[in-house]
Amino acid sequence: MRSCPQYASQKRSTGLSRPWHGTSRGKLVHEQMRLLVNGGGERALRAVYGPQALMCEHLERFFEALKRKRLHPVLSEFADYYEQIGLASAIDLMCLSEKTGAVCLVEVKVGGENYFRRATGPLTQPRRLSKKYNNSPLHQAFLQLLFYRKMMVDHYPELRIGSCYVAQLCTDEICFYRLPEDFVAAGSDLLNCLAGFAPGTTMQPSLP
């Protein structure tokens, strides 16, 4: 943020009063989403947070936004991995599109109103994306989402993967950013980059 200053008039209120509050809020959203989506519902939420517990406001507005997009949440924090390169992660949210029947992946980011689209330079990898995209948190989130999509395509070819989104949960709105097609086309490039950085990898470079 220091390297990308912005005018005071451009700054938006985040509702946070301490630097660590953003991290705490993000953890709360992800944990409550996991409890609510993975079969437990509000009963699970209250078992963990107490009988008077309520869904946090950011998450409540996010679920309402998913309804408007006709995306039905089916699984949260689904873990998968590439054994060959020793890399694993958990997908924030998997939804079923009521319009197409396809599986849609959603990467959830909480806050970031004042820096989500700010950058210090271009993306360095994959190279095919570096001329068009910068290294803003949004585009880095696209790479994260692309890794998840590539992993699902490789490991579950029977599934039909539809549109995938980065969802930014701001204080006063929910923003959906659809994974661009040129990112989708760079899935094999991204995997090759990751394999190249992984020590002792047994993965062979794949074709685009």
N, C-alpha and C. Protein backbone atom coordinates (compact mmCIF):
# COMPACT_ATOMS: atom_id res chain seq x y z
N MET A 1 0.83 -1.21 0.00
CA MET A 1 0.00 0.00 0.00
C MET A 1 0.86 1.25 0.00
N ARG A 2 2.04 1.18 0.65
CA ARG A 2 2.93 2.34 0.65
C ARG A 2 3.47 2.62 -0.75
N SER A 3 3.67 1.57 -1.54
CA SER A 3 4.22 1.76 -2.89
C SER A 3 3.16 2.19 -3.89
N CYS A 4 1.88 2.11 -3.51
CA CYS A 4 0.78 2.52 -4.39
C CYS A 4 -0.13 3.48 -3.63
N PRO A 5 0.34 4.69 -3.34
CA PRO A 5 -0.49 5.61 -2.56
C PRO A 5 -1.74 6.03 -3.32
N GLN A 6 -2.76 6.37 -2.57
CA GLN A 6 -3.99 6.85 -3.19
C GLN A 6 -4.44 8.12 -2.49
N TYR A 7 -5.22 8.91 -3.19
CA TYR A 7 -5.74 10.15 -2.62
C TYR A 7 -6.72 9.83 -1.50
N ALA A 8 -6.78 10.72 -0.52
CA ALA A 8 -7.69 10.52 0.60
C ALA A 8 -9.14 10.41 0.12
N SER A 9 -9.47 11.13 -0.95
CA SER A 9 -10.84 11.11 -1.47
C SER A 9 -11.21 9.76 -2.07
N GLN A 10 -10.20 8.94 -2.39
CA GLN A 10 -10.46 7.63 -2.99
C GLN A 10 -10.67 6.54 -1.95
N LYS A 11 -10.30 6.82 -0.72
CA LYS A 11 -10.36 5.79 0.32
C LYS A 11 -11.80 5.52 0.74
N ARG A 12 -12.09 4.26 0.99
CA ARG A 12 -13.42 3.85 1.40
C ARG A 12 -13.38 3.34 2.84
N SER A 13 -14.46 3.52 3.54
CA SER A 13 -14.54 3.05 4.91
C SER A 13 -14.63 1.53 4.93
N THR A 14 -13.86 0.92 5.82
CA THR A 14 -13.85 -0.54 5.93
C THR A 14 -14.51 -1.05 7.21
N GLY A 15 -14.81 -0.13 8.13
CA GLY A 15 -15.41 -0.56 9.38
C GLY A 15 -14.42 -1.16 10.36
N LEU A 16 -13.12 -1.09 10.05
CA LEU A 16 -12.08 -1.66 10.91
C LEU A 16 -11.36 -0.55 11.68
N SER A 17 -10.99 -0.84 12.91
CA SER A 17 -10.31 0.16 13.72
C SER A 17 -8.89 -0.24 14.10
N ARG A 18 -8.51 -1.50 13.86
CA ARG A 18 -7.17 -1.98 14.18
C ARG A 18 -6.64 -2.80 13.01
N PRO A 19 -5.32 -2.82 12.80
CA PRO A 19 -4.76 -3.54 11.64
C PRO A 19 -5.12 -5.02 11.60
N TRP A 20 -5.21 -5.66 12.76
CA TRP A 20 -5.46 -7.10 12.80
C TRP A 20 -6.95 -7.46 12.69
N HIS A 21 -7.82 -6.48 12.74
CA HIS A 21 -9.25 -6.76 12.67
C HIS A 21 -9.65 -7.38 11.33
N GLY A 22 -8.98 -6.97 10.25
CA GLY A 22 -9.31 -7.52 8.93
C GLY A 22 -9.05 -9.02 8.86
N THR A 23 -7.90 -9.44 9.40
CA THR A 23 -7.57 -10.87 9.42
C THR A 23 -8.57 -11.65 10.26
N SER A 24 -8.94 -11.10 11.41
CA SER A 24 -9.90 -11.77 12.29
C SER A 24 -11.26 -11.89 11.60
N ARG A 25 -11.68 -10.85 10.92
CA ARG A 25 -12.97 -10.87 10.22
C ARG A 25 -12.96 -11.90 9.10
N GLY A 26 -11.85 -11.96 8.35
CA GLY A 26 -11.74 -12.93 7.27
C GLY A 26 -11.81 -14.36 7.78
N LYS A 27 -11.13 -14.63 8.89
CA LYS A 27 -11.17 -15.98 9.48
C LYS A 27 -12.58 -16.34 9.93
N LEU A 28 -13.28 -15.36 10.51
CA LEU A 28 -14.64 -15.59 10.97
C LEU A 28 -15.56 -15.94 9.80
N VAL A 29 -15.45 -15.20 8.70
CA VAL A 29 -16.28 -15.46 7.53
C VAL A 29 -16.05 -16.86 7.01
N HIS A 30 -14.80 -17.26 6.86
CA HIS A 30 -14.49 -18.57 6.31
C HIS A 30 -14.92 -19.70 7.25
N GLU A 31 -14.72 -19.51 8.54
CA GLU A 31 -15.12 -20.57 9.48
C GLU A 31 -16.63 -20.71 9.54
N GLN A 32 -17.35 -19.60 9.58
CA GLN A 32 -18.81 -19.68 9.61
C GLN A 32 -19.35 -20.25 8.30
N MET A 33 -18.74 -19.90 7.19
CA MET A 33 -19.18 -20.44 5.90
C MET A 33 -19.01 -21.96 5.88
N ARG A 34 -17.91 -22.45 6.39
CA ARG A 34 -17.68 -23.90 6.44
C ARG A 34 -18.73 -24.59 7.29
N LEU A 35 -19.05 -24.03 8.44
CA LEU A 35 -20.04 -24.62 9.34
C LEU A 35 -21.43 -24.63 8.71
N LEU A 36 -21.79 -23.53 8.07
CA LEU A 36 -23.14 -23.40 7.53
C LEU A 36 -23.35 -24.22 6.27
N VAL A 37 -22.34 -24.29 5.41
CA VAL A 37 -22.50 -24.96 4.12
C VAL A 37 -22.35 -26.47 4.23
N ASN A 38 -21.43 -26.94 5.05
CA ASN A 38 -21.11 -28.36 5.08
C ASN A 38 -22.05 -29.18 5.95
N GLY A 39 -23.34 -28.91 5.83
CA GLY A 39 -24.34 -29.78 6.45
C GLY A 39 -24.80 -29.42 7.84
N GLY A 40 -24.09 -28.52 8.53
CA GLY A 40 -24.47 -28.25 9.91
C GLY A 40 -25.50 -27.16 10.06
N GLY A 41 -25.50 -26.19 9.15
CA GLY A 41 -26.45 -25.10 9.21
C GLY A 41 -26.30 -24.26 10.47
N GLU A 42 -27.36 -23.55 10.83
CA GLU A 42 -27.30 -22.66 11.99
C GLU A 42 -27.11 -23.42 13.30
N ARG A 43 -27.55 -24.67 13.34
CA ARG A 43 -27.35 -25.47 14.54
C ARG A 43 -25.86 -25.65 14.83
N ALA A 44 -25.08 -25.93 13.78
CA ALA A 44 -23.63 -26.08 13.95
C ALA A 44 -23.00 -24.76 14.34
N LEU A 45 -23.50 -23.67 13.76
CA LEU A 45 -22.97 -22.35 14.07
C LEU A 45 -23.13 -22.04 15.56
N ARG A 46 -24.31 -22.32 16.09
CA ARG A 46 -24.56 -22.01 17.51
C ARG A 46 -23.86 -22.99 18.44
N ALA A 47 -23.60 -24.21 17.97
CA ALA A 47 -22.87 -25.16 18.79
C ALA A 47 -21.43 -24.69 19.02
N VAL A 48 -20.88 -24.01 18.03
CA VAL A 48 -19.50 -23.54 18.13
C VAL A 48 -19.41 -22.16 18.78
N TYR A 49 -20.33 -21.25 18.42
CA TYR A 49 -20.21 -19.86 18.86
C TYR A 49 -21.18 -19.47 19.97
N GLY A 50 -22.04 -20.38 20.38
CA GLY A 50 -22.97 -20.07 21.45
C GLY A 50 -24.41 -20.00 20.96
N PRO A 51 -25.38 -20.16 21.87
CA PRO A 51 -26.79 -20.24 21.47
C PRO A 51 -27.35 -18.96 20.85
N GLN A 52 -26.73 -17.83 21.11
CA GLN A 52 -27.21 -16.56 20.56
C GLN A 52 -26.42 -16.12 19.32
N ALA A 53 -25.57 -17.00 18.81
CA ALA A 53 -24.70 -16.63 17.69
C ALA A 53 -25.50 -16.31 16.43
N LEU A 54 -25.05 -15.32 15.71
CA LEU A 54 -25.66 -14.93 14.44
C LEU A 54 -24.61 -15.00 13.33
N MET A 55 -25.08 -15.19 12.14
CA MET A 55 -24.19 -15.15 10.98
C MET A 55 -23.63 -13.75 10.83
N CYS A 56 -22.32 -13.64 10.56
CA CYS A 56 -21.73 -12.31 10.41
C CYS A 56 -22.33 -11.61 9.19
N GLU A 57 -22.40 -10.29 9.25
CA GLU A 57 -23.10 -9.51 8.23
C GLU A 57 -22.52 -9.73 6.84
N HIS A 58 -21.19 -9.77 6.73
CA HIS A 58 -20.56 -9.96 5.42
C HIS A 58 -21.02 -11.28 4.80
N LEU A 59 -21.08 -12.33 5.60
CA LEU A 59 -21.46 -13.63 5.08
C LEU A 59 -22.94 -13.68 4.73
N GLU A 60 -23.77 -13.04 5.53
CA GLU A 60 -25.21 -13.00 5.24
C GLU A 60 -25.47 -12.31 3.90
N ARG A 61 -24.79 -11.19 3.66
CA ARG A 61 -24.97 -10.49 2.40
C ARG A 61 -24.40 -11.29 1.23
N PHE A 62 -23.34 -12.03 1.48
CA PHE A 62 -22.75 -12.87 0.44
C PHE A 62 -23.72 -13.99 0.02
N PHE A 63 -24.34 -14.65 0.98
CA PHE A 63 -25.30 -15.70 0.66
C PHE A 63 -26.49 -15.15 -0.12
N GLU A 64 -26.92 -13.94 0.23
CA GLU A 64 -28.01 -13.32 -0.52
C GLU A 64 -27.58 -13.02 -1.96
N ALA A 65 -26.33 -12.59 -2.12
CA ALA A 65 -25.82 -12.31 -3.47
C ALA A 65 -25.72 -13.60 -4.29
N LEU A 66 -25.36 -14.70 -3.66
CA LEU A 66 -25.30 -15.98 -4.36
C LEU A 66 -26.70 -16.39 -4.85
N LYS A 67 -27.71 -16.12 -4.02
CA LYS A 67 -29.08 -16.44 -4.44
C LYS A 67 -29.47 -15.66 -5.69
N ARG A 68 -29.08 -14.38 -5.70
CA ARG A 68 -29.41 -13.55 -6.87
C ARG A 68 -28.71 -14.04 -8.13
N LYS A 69 -27.52 -14.62 -7.97
CA LYS A 69 -26.79 -15.17 -9.11
C LYS A 69 -27.20 -16.61 -9.40
N ARG A 70 -28.12 -17.13 -8.60
CA ARG A 70 -28.63 -18.50 -8.75
C ARG A 70 -27.51 -19.52 -8.64
N LEU A 71 -26.65 -19.28 -7.63
CA LEU A 71 -25.58 -20.21 -7.30
C LEU A 71 -25.89 -20.82 -5.95
N HIS A 72 -26.01 -22.14 -5.91
CA HIS A 72 -26.37 -22.84 -4.67
C HIS A 72 -25.12 -23.43 -4.03
N PRO A 73 -24.73 -22.99 -2.82
CA PRO A 73 -23.53 -23.53 -2.17
C PRO A 73 -23.71 -25.01 -1.81
N VAL A 74 -22.71 -25.82 -2.14
CA VAL A 74 -22.80 -27.25 -1.84
C VAL A 74 -21.65 -27.75 -0.98
N LEU A 75 -20.50 -27.09 -1.01
CA LEU A 75 -19.35 -27.57 -0.24
C LEU A 75 -18.37 -26.43 -0.01
N SER A 76 -17.85 -26.36 1.20
CA SER A 76 -16.89 -25.32 1.55
C SER A 76 -15.60 -25.95 2.06
N GLU A 77 -14.48 -25.32 1.74
CA GLU A 77 -13.15 -25.77 2.17
C GLU A 77 -12.86 -27.19 1.68
N PHE A 78 -13.14 -27.45 0.40
CA PHE A 78 -12.85 -28.75 -0.19
C PHE A 78 -11.35 -28.84 -0.50
N ALA A 79 -10.67 -29.78 0.14
CA ALA A 79 -9.22 -29.90 -0.01
C ALA A 79 -8.86 -30.87 -1.13
N ASP A 80 -7.86 -30.50 -1.92
CA ASP A 80 -7.35 -31.36 -2.97
C ASP A 80 -5.86 -31.07 -3.13
N TYR A 81 -5.14 -31.91 -3.88
CA TYR A 81 -3.70 -31.74 -3.96
C TYR A 81 -3.13 -32.38 -5.22
N TYR A 82 -1.96 -31.89 -5.61
CA TYR A 82 -1.13 -32.52 -6.62
C TYR A 82 0.03 -33.22 -5.90
N GLU A 83 -0.04 -34.52 -5.85
CA GLU A 83 0.99 -35.26 -5.13
C GLU A 83 2.35 -35.10 -5.79
N GLN A 84 2.37 -34.98 -7.14
CA GLN A 84 3.63 -34.91 -7.86
C GLN A 84 4.47 -33.69 -7.50
N ILE A 85 3.81 -32.59 -7.14
CA ILE A 85 4.57 -31.38 -6.81
C ILE A 85 4.42 -31.00 -5.34
N GLY A 86 3.74 -31.84 -4.59
CA GLY A 86 3.61 -31.60 -3.16
C GLY A 86 2.88 -30.33 -2.82
N LEU A 87 1.84 -30.02 -3.58
CA LEU A 87 1.11 -28.77 -3.36
C LEU A 87 -0.37 -29.06 -3.17
N ALA A 88 -0.92 -28.54 -2.09
CA ALA A 88 -2.34 -28.76 -1.77
C ALA A 88 -2.97 -27.46 -1.33
N SER A 89 -4.29 -27.40 -1.43
CA SER A 89 -5.03 -26.24 -0.94
C SER A 89 -6.50 -26.61 -0.80
N ALA A 90 -7.26 -25.71 -0.23
CA ALA A 90 -8.69 -25.93 -0.04
C ALA A 90 -9.47 -24.87 -0.79
N ILE A 91 -10.46 -25.30 -1.54
CA ILE A 91 -11.31 -24.39 -2.31
C ILE A 91 -12.34 -23.76 -1.37
N ASP A 92 -12.41 -22.44 -1.37
CA ASP A 92 -13.30 -21.75 -0.43
C ASP A 92 -14.74 -22.24 -0.55
N LEU A 93 -15.26 -22.24 -1.77
CA LEU A 93 -16.68 -22.57 -1.93
C LEU A 93 -16.93 -23.19 -3.30
N MET A 94 -17.68 -24.29 -3.30
CA MET A 94 -18.14 -24.91 -4.53
C MET A 94 -19.65 -24.75 -4.59
N CYS A 95 -20.14 -24.26 -5.73
CA CYS A 95 -21.56 -24.02 -5.90
C CYS A 95 -22.07 -24.79 -7.12
N LEU A 96 -23.37 -25.00 -7.14
CA LEU A 96 -24.04 -25.58 -8.29
C LEU A 96 -24.87 -24.48 -8.94
N SER A 97 -24.63 -24.25 -10.23
CA SER A 97 -25.39 -23.24 -10.94
C SER A 97 -26.79 -23.75 -11.22
N GLU A 98 -27.79 -23.02 -10.76
CA GLU A 98 -29.17 -23.40 -11.02
C GLU A 98 -29.55 -23.17 -12.48
N LYS A 99 -28.77 -22.37 -13.20
CA LYS A 99 -29.06 -22.08 -14.60
C LYS A 99 -28.46 -23.13 -15.54
N THR A 100 -27.27 -23.61 -15.24
CA THR A 100 -26.58 -24.51 -16.16
C THR A 100 -26.34 -25.91 -15.60
N GLY A 101 -26.43 -26.07 -14.29
CA GLY A 101 -26.14 -27.36 -13.67
C GLY A 101 -24.65 -27.62 -13.50
N ALA A 102 -23.80 -26.65 -13.86
CA ALA A 102 -22.36 -26.82 -13.76
C ALA A 102 -21.87 -26.48 -12.35
N VAL A 103 -20.70 -27.00 -12.02
CA VAL A 103 -20.05 -26.68 -10.75
C VAL A 103 -19.28 -25.38 -10.91
N CYS A 104 -19.50 -24.45 -10.01
CA CYS A 104 -18.82 -23.16 -10.05
C CYS A 104 -17.96 -23.01 -8.80
N LEU A 105 -16.73 -22.62 -8.98
CA LEU A 105 -15.80 -22.41 -7.87
C LEU A 105 -15.76 -20.93 -7.51
N VAL A 106 -15.72 -20.66 -6.21
CA VAL A 106 -15.70 -19.27 -5.75
C VAL A 106 -14.56 -19.10 -4.75
N GLU A 107 -13.68 -18.16 -5.02
CA GLU A 107 -12.62 -17.78 -4.10
C GLU A 107 -13.09 -16.53 -3.35
N VAL A 108 -13.20 -16.62 -2.04
CA VAL A 108 -13.77 -15.55 -1.23
C VAL A 108 -12.67 -14.70 -0.61
N LYS A 109 -12.74 -13.40 -0.85
CA LYS A 109 -11.83 -12.44 -0.24
C LYS A 109 -12.66 -11.43 0.55
N VAL A 110 -12.26 -11.15 1.77
CA VAL A 110 -13.02 -10.27 2.65
C VAL A 110 -12.30 -8.94 2.79
N GLY A 111 -12.98 -7.84 2.47
CA GLY A 111 -12.40 -6.51 2.60
C GLY A 111 -11.53 -6.16 1.41
N GLY A 112 -10.49 -5.40 1.69
CA GLY A 112 -9.56 -4.99 0.63
C GLY A 112 -10.05 -3.83 -0.22
N GLU A 113 -11.03 -3.09 0.28
CA GLU A 113 -11.61 -2.01 -0.52
C GLU A 113 -10.56 -1.03 -1.04
N ASN A 114 -9.51 -0.79 -0.27
CA ASN A 114 -8.55 0.26 -0.62
C ASN A 114 -7.28 -0.26 -1.29
N TYR A 115 -7.23 -1.54 -1.61
CA TYR A 115 -6.01 -2.02 -2.26
C TYR A 115 -6.24 -3.18 -3.23
N PHE A 116 -7.46 -3.68 -3.38
CA PHE A 116 -7.69 -4.92 -4.11
C PHE A 116 -7.29 -4.84 -5.58
N ARG A 117 -7.36 -3.65 -6.18
CA ARG A 117 -7.04 -3.52 -7.60
C ARG A 117 -5.79 -2.68 -7.83
N ARG A 118 -5.03 -2.44 -6.79
CA ARG A 118 -3.80 -1.68 -6.91
C ARG A 118 -2.62 -2.61 -7.16
N ALA A 119 -1.64 -2.15 -7.95
CA ALA A 119 -0.55 -3.02 -8.37
C ALA A 119 0.78 -2.27 -8.35
N THR A 120 1.86 -3.03 -8.29
CA THR A 120 3.21 -2.47 -8.34
C THR A 120 3.92 -2.84 -9.64
N GLY A 121 3.29 -3.63 -10.50
CA GLY A 121 3.92 -4.05 -11.74
C GLY A 121 3.10 -5.15 -12.40
N PRO A 122 3.62 -5.74 -13.46
CA PRO A 122 2.89 -6.80 -14.16
C PRO A 122 3.00 -8.13 -13.43
N LEU A 123 2.10 -9.05 -13.76
CA LEU A 123 2.30 -10.42 -13.34
C LEU A 123 3.57 -10.95 -13.99
N THR A 124 4.35 -11.71 -13.25
CA THR A 124 5.58 -12.26 -13.83
C THR A 124 5.36 -13.65 -14.41
N GLN A 125 4.42 -14.40 -13.86
CA GLN A 125 4.11 -15.75 -14.35
C GLN A 125 2.61 -15.98 -14.26
N PRO A 126 2.05 -16.76 -15.16
CA PRO A 126 2.62 -17.28 -16.41
C PRO A 126 2.91 -16.13 -17.38
N ARG A 127 3.88 -16.31 -18.22
CA ARG A 127 4.33 -15.24 -19.09
C ARG A 127 3.25 -14.78 -20.07
N ARG A 128 2.38 -15.69 -20.48
CA ARG A 128 1.37 -15.30 -21.47
C ARG A 128 0.38 -14.28 -20.91
N LEU A 129 0.35 -14.12 -19.57
CA LEU A 129 -0.56 -13.17 -18.95
C LEU A 129 0.12 -11.87 -18.55
N SER A 130 1.46 -11.85 -18.59
CA SER A 130 2.19 -10.71 -18.01
C SER A 130 2.02 -9.41 -18.78
N LYS A 131 1.74 -9.47 -20.08
CA LYS A 131 1.58 -8.24 -20.84
C LYS A 131 0.23 -7.56 -20.62
N LYS A 132 -0.75 -8.34 -20.20
CA LYS A 132 -2.11 -7.80 -20.07
C LYS A 132 -2.51 -7.55 -18.63
N TYR A 133 -1.94 -8.29 -17.67
CA TYR A 133 -2.42 -8.23 -16.29
C TYR A 133 -1.32 -7.79 -15.33
N ASN A 134 -1.73 -7.00 -14.33
CA ASN A 134 -0.78 -6.55 -13.31
C ASN A 134 -0.83 -7.49 -12.10
N ASN A 135 -0.01 -7.17 -11.11
CA ASN A 135 0.11 -8.05 -9.94
C ASN A 135 -0.79 -7.60 -8.78
N SER A 136 -1.91 -7.01 -9.09
CA SER A 136 -2.85 -6.60 -8.04
C SER A 136 -3.37 -7.82 -7.29
N PRO A 137 -3.86 -7.63 -6.05
CA PRO A 137 -4.45 -8.75 -5.32
C PRO A 137 -5.57 -9.45 -6.09
N LEU A 138 -6.33 -8.68 -6.89
CA LEU A 138 -7.39 -9.30 -7.69
C LEU A 138 -6.82 -10.31 -8.67
N HIS A 139 -5.78 -9.93 -9.40
CA HIS A 139 -5.21 -10.83 -10.40
C HIS A 139 -4.46 -11.98 -9.75
N GLN A 140 -3.88 -11.75 -8.58
CA GLN A 140 -3.28 -12.86 -7.83
C GLN A 140 -4.36 -13.83 -7.37
N ALA A 141 -5.52 -13.30 -6.99
CA ALA A 141 -6.64 -14.17 -6.61
C ALA A 141 -7.14 -14.97 -7.82
N PHE A 142 -7.08 -14.36 -9.02
CA PHE A 142 -7.43 -15.10 -10.23
C PHE A 142 -6.50 -16.30 -10.42
N LEU A 143 -5.19 -16.11 -10.16
CA LEU A 143 -4.25 -17.22 -10.28
C LEU A 143 -4.57 -18.32 -9.27
N GLN A 144 -4.91 -17.93 -8.06
CA GLN A 144 -5.29 -18.89 -7.04
C GLN A 144 -6.52 -19.68 -7.48
N LEU A 145 -7.51 -18.97 -8.00
CA LEU A 145 -8.73 -19.61 -8.48
C LEU A 145 -8.43 -20.51 -9.68
N LEU A 146 -7.54 -20.07 -10.56
CA LEU A 146 -7.17 -20.87 -11.72
C LEU A 146 -6.52 -22.18 -11.29
N PHE A 147 -5.69 -22.14 -10.27
CA PHE A 147 -5.09 -23.38 -9.75
C PHE A 147 -6.16 -24.34 -9.30
N TYR A 148 -7.15 -23.85 -8.58
CA TYR A 148 -8.25 -24.70 -8.13
C TYR A 148 -9.00 -25.30 -9.33
N ARG A 149 -9.28 -24.45 -10.31
CA ARG A 149 -10.02 -24.93 -11.48
C ARG A 149 -9.24 -26.01 -12.21
N LYS A 150 -7.95 -25.78 -12.43
CA LYS A 150 -7.11 -26.74 -13.11
C LYS A 150 -7.07 -28.06 -12.34
N MET A 151 -6.99 -27.98 -11.03
CA MET A 151 -6.95 -29.17 -10.19
C MET A 151 -8.24 -29.98 -10.31
N MET A 152 -9.37 -29.29 -10.32
CA MET A 152 -10.65 -29.98 -10.46
C MET A 152 -10.80 -30.61 -11.84
N VAL A 153 -10.38 -29.91 -12.88
CA VAL A 153 -10.46 -30.45 -14.24
C VAL A 153 -9.59 -31.70 -14.37
N ASP A 154 -8.39 -31.66 -13.80
CA ASP A 154 -7.48 -32.80 -13.91
C ASP A 154 -7.94 -34.00 -13.08
N HIS A 155 -8.46 -33.74 -11.89
CA HIS A 155 -8.77 -34.83 -10.96
C HIS A 155 -10.21 -35.33 -11.06
N TYR A 156 -11.10 -34.50 -11.57
CA TYR A 156 -12.51 -34.89 -11.65
C TYR A 156 -13.05 -34.55 -13.04
N PRO A 157 -12.55 -35.25 -14.07
CA PRO A 157 -12.95 -34.92 -15.45
C PRO A 157 -14.43 -35.14 -15.72
N GLU A 158 -15.09 -35.92 -14.86
CA GLU A 158 -16.52 -36.16 -15.06
C GLU A 158 -17.37 -34.96 -14.69
N LEU A 159 -16.81 -34.01 -13.94
CA LEU A 159 -17.55 -32.82 -13.55
C LEU A 159 -17.51 -31.77 -14.66
N ARG A 160 -18.60 -31.07 -14.81
CA ARG A 160 -18.64 -29.94 -15.74
C ARG A 160 -18.40 -28.66 -14.94
N ILE A 161 -17.29 -28.01 -15.21
CA ILE A 161 -16.93 -26.79 -14.48
C ILE A 161 -17.45 -25.58 -15.25
N GLY A 162 -18.23 -24.78 -14.59
CA GLY A 162 -18.79 -23.58 -15.22
C GLY A 162 -17.97 -22.35 -14.89
N SER A 163 -18.62 -21.20 -14.87
CA SER A 163 -17.94 -19.94 -14.55
C SER A 163 -17.42 -19.98 -13.12
N CYS A 164 -16.22 -19.45 -12.93
CA CYS A 164 -15.62 -19.39 -11.62
C CYS A 164 -15.41 -17.91 -11.24
N TYR A 165 -15.51 -17.61 -9.96
CA TYR A 165 -15.52 -16.22 -9.53
C TYR A 165 -14.61 -15.98 -8.34
N VAL A 166 -14.00 -14.80 -8.32
CA VAL A 166 -13.46 -14.23 -7.10
C VAL A 166 -14.54 -13.33 -6.52
N ALA A 167 -14.95 -13.59 -5.30
CA ALA A 167 -15.98 -12.78 -4.64
C ALA A 167 -15.32 -11.91 -3.57
N GLN A 168 -15.46 -10.62 -3.71
CA GLN A 168 -14.91 -9.68 -2.74
C GLN A 168 -16.04 -9.19 -1.83
N LEU A 169 -15.93 -9.51 -0.55
CA LEU A 169 -16.96 -9.13 0.42
C LEU A 169 -16.55 -7.81 1.06
N CYS A 170 -17.07 -6.72 0.53
CA CYS A 170 -16.76 -5.38 1.05
C CYS A 170 -17.76 -5.00 2.15
N THR A 171 -17.51 -3.88 2.76
CA THR A 171 -18.38 -3.42 3.84
C THR A 171 -19.77 -3.08 3.35
N ASP A 172 -19.87 -2.52 2.12
CA ASP A 172 -21.16 -2.05 1.64
C ASP A 172 -21.63 -2.72 0.35
N GLU A 173 -20.89 -3.72 -0.14
CA GLU A 173 -21.30 -4.40 -1.37
C GLU A 173 -20.57 -5.73 -1.51
N ILE A 174 -21.09 -6.58 -2.40
CA ILE A 174 -20.45 -7.83 -2.75
C ILE A 174 -20.08 -7.75 -4.23
N CYS A 175 -18.80 -7.91 -4.54
CA CYS A 175 -18.34 -7.80 -5.92
C CYS A 175 -17.92 -9.18 -6.44
N PHE A 176 -18.44 -9.57 -7.58
CA PHE A 176 -18.05 -10.82 -8.22
C PHE A 176 -17.19 -10.51 -9.44
N TYR A 177 -16.04 -11.15 -9.52
CA TYR A 177 -15.14 -11.00 -10.65
C TYR A 177 -15.01 -12.38 -11.32
N ARG A 178 -15.50 -12.49 -12.52
CA ARG A 178 -15.45 -13.76 -13.23
C ARG A 178 -14.04 -14.06 -13.72
N LEU A 179 -13.60 -15.29 -13.57
CA LEU A 179 -12.28 -15.69 -14.04
C LEU A 179 -12.22 -15.52 -15.56
N PRO A 180 -11.32 -14.66 -16.08
CA PRO A 180 -11.27 -14.40 -17.52
C PRO A 180 -10.87 -15.63 -18.32
N GLU A 181 -11.30 -15.66 -19.56
CA GLU A 181 -11.02 -16.81 -20.42
C GLU A 181 -9.53 -16.97 -20.69
N ASP A 182 -8.79 -15.85 -20.77
CA ASP A 182 -7.36 -16.01 -21.03
C ASP A 182 -6.62 -16.58 -19.81
N PHE A 183 -7.17 -16.39 -18.61
CA PHE A 183 -6.64 -17.10 -17.45
C PHE A 183 -6.94 -18.59 -17.57
N VAL A 184 -8.18 -18.93 -17.93
CA VAL A 184 -8.55 -20.33 -18.08
C VAL A 184 -7.63 -21.03 -19.07
N ALA A 185 -7.30 -20.35 -20.15
CA ALA A 185 -6.44 -20.93 -21.18
C ALA A 185 -5.01 -21.13 -20.69
N ALA A 186 -4.64 -20.46 -19.60
CA ALA A 186 -3.27 -20.54 -19.08
C ALA A 186 -3.14 -21.55 -17.95
N GLY A 187 -4.11 -22.43 -17.79
CA GLY A 187 -4.07 -23.38 -16.68
C GLY A 187 -2.84 -24.27 -16.69
N SER A 188 -2.51 -24.84 -17.86
CA SER A 188 -1.33 -25.71 -17.95
C SER A 188 -0.05 -24.92 -17.73
N ASP A 189 -0.01 -23.67 -18.21
CA ASP A 189 1.17 -22.82 -17.99
C ASP A 189 1.40 -22.60 -16.49
N LEU A 190 0.32 -22.32 -15.77
CA LEU A 190 0.44 -22.10 -14.34
C LEU A 190 0.95 -23.35 -13.63
N LEU A 191 0.41 -24.50 -14.01
CA LEU A 191 0.84 -25.75 -13.37
C LEU A 191 2.31 -26.03 -13.65
N ASN A 192 2.75 -25.77 -14.87
CA ASN A 192 4.16 -25.95 -15.21
C ASN A 192 5.05 -25.02 -14.39
N CYS A 193 4.59 -23.78 -14.17
CA CYS A 193 5.35 -22.84 -13.34
C CYS A 193 5.49 -23.38 -11.92
N LEU A 194 4.39 -23.87 -11.38
CA LEU A 194 4.42 -24.39 -10.02
C LEU A 194 5.30 -25.62 -9.92
N ALA A 195 5.24 -26.49 -10.93
CA ALA A 195 6.09 -27.68 -10.94
C ALA A 195 7.56 -27.31 -11.00
N GLY A 196 7.87 -26.23 -11.73
CA GLY A 196 9.25 -25.80 -11.84
C GLY A 196 9.83 -25.28 -10.54
N PHE A 197 8.96 -24.74 -9.66
CA PHE A 197 9.42 -24.21 -8.39
C PHE A 197 9.44 -25.26 -7.28
N ALA A 198 8.77 -26.41 -7.50
CA ALA A 198 8.65 -27.42 -6.46
C ALA A 198 9.91 -28.30 -6.45
N PRO A 199 10.62 -28.39 -5.30
CA PRO A 199 11.83 -29.21 -5.25
C PRO A 199 11.50 -30.70 -5.35
N GLY A 200 12.25 -31.42 -6.17
CA GLY A 200 12.06 -32.86 -6.26
C GLY A 200 10.79 -33.28 -6.95
N THR A 201 10.20 -32.42 -7.77
CA THR A 201 8.95 -32.76 -8.42
C THR A 201 9.13 -33.89 -9.42
N THR A 202 8.09 -34.71 -9.53
CA THR A 202 8.09 -35.80 -10.51
C THR A 202 7.14 -35.49 -11.66
N MET A 203 6.55 -34.31 -11.65
CA MET A 203 5.58 -33.96 -12.70
C MET A 203 6.31 -33.55 -13.97
N GLN A 204 5.83 -34.10 -15.09
CA GLN A 204 6.38 -33.73 -16.39
C GLN A 204 5.60 -32.53 -16.94
N PRO A 205 6.27 -31.63 -17.67
CA PRO A 205 5.54 -30.50 -18.26
C PRO A 205 4.38 -30.99 -19.11
N SER A 206 3.25 -30.31 -19.02
CA SER A 206 2.07 -30.70 -19.76
C SER A 206 1.85 -29.74 -20.92
N LEU A 207 1.09 -30.19 -21.90
CA LEU A 207 0.78 -29.36 -23.04
C LEU A 207 -0.33 -28.39 -22.67
N PRO A 208 -0.35 -27.19 -23.26
CA PRO A 208 -1.41 -26.22 -23.00
C PRO A 208 -2.76 -26.78 -23.39
